[in-house]
Structure formats: C-alpha cells, structure tokens
C-alpha cells in the first residue's frame, strides 16, 4: 500500500496519455484525448462520493458462509467481518484484476494502422534519457 501501489498509480497516467497518442492518428487524436480526460474527470467526480458512501453506509461488511468441521463432522455457520477500508481496497483490487485481464486480451494488431511510416530509427536510437523525458514533458 505504501510502495508498489503509489508507484503504479504514478506510472498509469503518463502511460495512458502515451497510449492515446500512439493509438490515434492526427485527425482523431483530439477526440481520443477528449474521451480520455472525460473518463478521468468522471472517475474523479464519482470516486470520492463512492468511497464516502462505502465508509458511511458499510462501516462493517459481513460475509456469512458455511464451514465443514471435520472433527465434529458437521457444518458450522460462520461470519467474517470486514472494515470499510478493506471493502474499498477489495473493490480497487477487483477493478485492477479486470484491467489486468483486459490488458492480457489486448490485440497488438490494432496498432498497425496507426504506425508512422516515415520514422527515422537511427535518430531515435541516438536519443538519450534526458531528451526523451524533455519530449514527454513537451507533449
């Protein structure tokens, strides 16, 4: 929660911007960025109230299940209780699993129609990290 998640979150936004730039042509790029930022703003608008709703209405989430006790050879009813923070973290975990599944199903052939044909690969190989970072910030 304190190392990998913030690192992943900090990488997501620039990667999504580069993804929109890579998967759109010059004509459709503004529309792609409009959709991207509309989804980002919508998520920011609804994310806070959803978290507050879960924290207020579901302070403790309970899950009832049946466990078979082998020593007594009978079924026992059990209850597992989760705090609101664990429920929120679980919802985030489920959303990340869905995104990971979608990423695994991604078809790279989609990118072929957006590839630039007049790319100077020799010039790209000469770029340093600082030049790439400067271009990224400029974009």
Protein backbone atom coordinates (compact mmCIF):
# COMPACT_ATOMS: atom_id res chain seq x y z
CA UNK A 1 0.00 0.00 0.00
CA UNK A 2 2.91 2.38 0.62
CA UNK A 3 5.33 1.39 -2.15
CA UNK A 4 4.01 -0.52 -5.14
CA UNK A 5 0.53 1.00 -5.36
CA UNK A 6 1.68 4.66 -5.40
CA UNK A 7 4.39 3.75 -7.92
CA UNK A 8 1.83 2.03 -10.14
CA UNK A 9 -0.59 4.93 -9.87
CA UNK A 10 2.14 7.43 -10.76
CA UNK A 11 3.03 5.45 -13.89
CA UNK A 12 -0.54 4.91 -15.10
CA UNK A 13 -1.40 8.49 -16.12
CA UNK A 14 1.65 9.16 -18.37
CA UNK A 15 1.29 5.69 -19.91
CA UNK A 16 -2.37 6.29 -20.71
CA UNK A 17 -1.54 9.63 -22.33
CA UNK A 18 1.17 7.97 -24.44
CA UNK A 19 -1.27 5.17 -25.29
CA UNK A 20 -3.86 7.64 -26.57
CA UNK A 21 -1.14 9.39 -28.56
CA UNK A 22 0.11 6.10 -30.02
CA UNK A 23 -3.30 4.63 -30.86
CA UNK A 24 -4.79 7.64 -32.63
CA UNK A 25 -3.94 9.36 -35.85
CA UNK A 26 -3.60 13.13 -36.27
CA UNK A 27 -7.27 13.58 -37.18
CA UNK A 28 -8.76 11.57 -34.30
CA UNK A 29 -6.18 12.45 -31.60
CA UNK A 30 -8.15 15.40 -30.12
CA UNK A 31 -11.26 13.24 -29.83
CA UNK A 32 -9.21 10.47 -28.17
CA UNK A 33 -7.85 12.91 -25.59
CA UNK A 34 -11.34 14.31 -25.01
CA UNK A 35 -12.67 10.83 -24.25
CA UNK A 36 -9.66 10.07 -22.04
CA UNK A 37 -9.97 13.24 -19.98
CA UNK A 38 -13.77 12.90 -19.77
CA UNK A 39 -13.31 9.41 -18.28
CA UNK A 40 -10.63 10.71 -15.90
CA UNK A 41 -12.81 13.58 -14.69
CA UNK A 42 -15.84 11.31 -14.36
CA UNK A 43 -13.80 8.89 -12.26
CA UNK A 44 -12.58 11.75 -10.06
CA UNK A 45 -16.13 13.06 -9.62
CA UNK A 46 -17.67 9.70 -8.70
CA UNK A 47 -14.67 8.17 -6.87
CA UNK A 48 -14.88 10.37 -3.79
CA UNK A 49 -18.63 10.03 -3.21
CA UNK A 50 -18.47 6.26 -3.72
CA UNK A 51 -15.71 5.95 -1.12
CA UNK A 52 -17.66 8.16 1.29
CA UNK A 53 -20.82 6.12 0.67
CA UNK A 54 -19.00 2.85 1.44
CA UNK A 55 -17.39 4.35 4.56
CA UNK A 56 -20.70 5.76 5.83
CA UNK A 57 -23.20 3.02 4.97
CA UNK A 58 -20.95 -0.05 5.14
CA UNK A 59 -18.68 0.55 8.12
CA UNK A 60 -18.52 -3.19 8.56
CA UNK A 61 -19.30 -5.62 5.79
CA UNK A 62 -20.15 -9.15 6.88
CA UNK A 63 -19.96 -12.30 4.87
CA UNK A 64 -21.83 -15.41 6.03
CA UNK A 65 -20.60 -18.81 4.96
CA UNK A 66 -20.80 -22.45 5.99
CA UNK A 67 -17.70 -24.31 7.12
CA UNK A 68 -17.48 -28.10 7.48
CA UNK A 69 -15.81 -29.05 10.76
CA UNK A 70 -14.03 -32.37 10.21
CA UNK A 71 -13.52 -33.03 13.93
CA UNK A 72 -17.22 -32.80 14.76
CA UNK A 73 -18.33 -33.92 11.27
CA UNK A 74 -20.91 -31.15 10.93
CA UNK A 75 -21.42 -27.87 9.16
CA UNK A 76 -21.00 -24.64 11.10
CA UNK A 77 -22.26 -21.20 10.17
CA UNK A 78 -19.51 -18.60 10.30
CA UNK A 79 -19.35 -14.85 9.82
CA UNK A 80 -16.38 -12.88 8.51
CA UNK A 81 -16.39 -9.15 9.15
CA UNK A 82 -14.53 -6.57 7.03
CA UNK A 83 -13.96 -2.89 7.73
CA UNK A 84 -14.92 -0.19 5.24
CA UNK A 85 -11.27 0.35 4.31
CA UNK A 86 -10.84 -3.33 3.46
CA UNK A 87 -14.01 -3.22 1.37
CA UNK A 88 -12.69 -0.19 -0.55
CA UNK A 89 -9.31 -1.88 -1.06
CA UNK A 90 -11.06 -5.05 -2.26
CA UNK A 91 -13.14 -3.08 -4.79
CA UNK A 92 -9.93 -1.46 -6.07
CA UNK A 93 -8.27 -4.87 -6.24
CA UNK A 94 -11.18 -6.27 -8.27
CA UNK A 95 -11.03 -3.32 -10.68
CA UNK A 96 -7.27 -3.84 -11.12
CA UNK A 97 -7.82 -7.54 -11.85
CA UNK A 98 -10.38 -6.60 -14.52
CA UNK A 99 -7.92 -4.13 -16.06
CA UNK A 100 -5.15 -6.75 -15.96
CA UNK A 101 -7.43 -9.23 -17.73
CA UNK A 102 -8.26 -6.63 -20.40
CA UNK A 103 -4.56 -5.90 -20.82
CA UNK A 104 -3.83 -9.60 -21.34
CA UNK A 105 -6.52 -9.76 -24.03
CA UNK A 106 -5.17 -6.71 -25.87
CA UNK A 107 -4.69 -7.24 -29.61
CA UNK A 108 -1.48 -5.56 -30.80
CA UNK A 109 -2.61 -5.73 -34.42
CA UNK A 110 -4.80 -2.70 -33.67
CA UNK A 111 -1.65 -0.56 -33.52
CA UNK A 112 -0.57 -1.37 -37.10
CA UNK A 113 -2.95 1.09 -38.72
CA UNK A 114 -1.59 3.93 -36.57
CA UNK A 115 2.12 3.26 -37.11
CA UNK A 116 4.04 6.06 -38.70
CA UNK A 117 5.81 5.14 -41.92
CA UNK A 118 8.38 7.92 -42.13
CA UNK A 119 10.24 7.25 -38.84
CA UNK A 120 13.99 7.83 -38.68
CA UNK A 121 15.02 4.90 -36.45
CA UNK A 122 18.69 5.91 -36.49
CA UNK A 123 17.77 9.27 -34.99
CA UNK A 124 15.61 7.60 -32.35
CA UNK A 125 18.45 5.28 -31.29
CA UNK A 126 20.67 8.32 -30.64
CA UNK A 127 18.21 9.84 -28.15
CA UNK A 128 19.25 9.97 -24.51
CA UNK A 129 17.02 9.59 -21.48
CA UNK A 130 17.00 13.35 -20.87
CA UNK A 131 15.91 14.08 -24.45
CA UNK A 132 13.10 11.53 -24.24
CA UNK A 133 11.96 12.98 -20.89
CA UNK A 134 12.08 16.50 -22.35
CA UNK A 135 9.93 15.40 -25.32
CA UNK A 136 7.50 13.68 -22.96
CA UNK A 137 7.12 16.83 -20.85
CA UNK A 138 6.73 18.90 -24.03
CA UNK A 139 3.95 16.64 -25.25
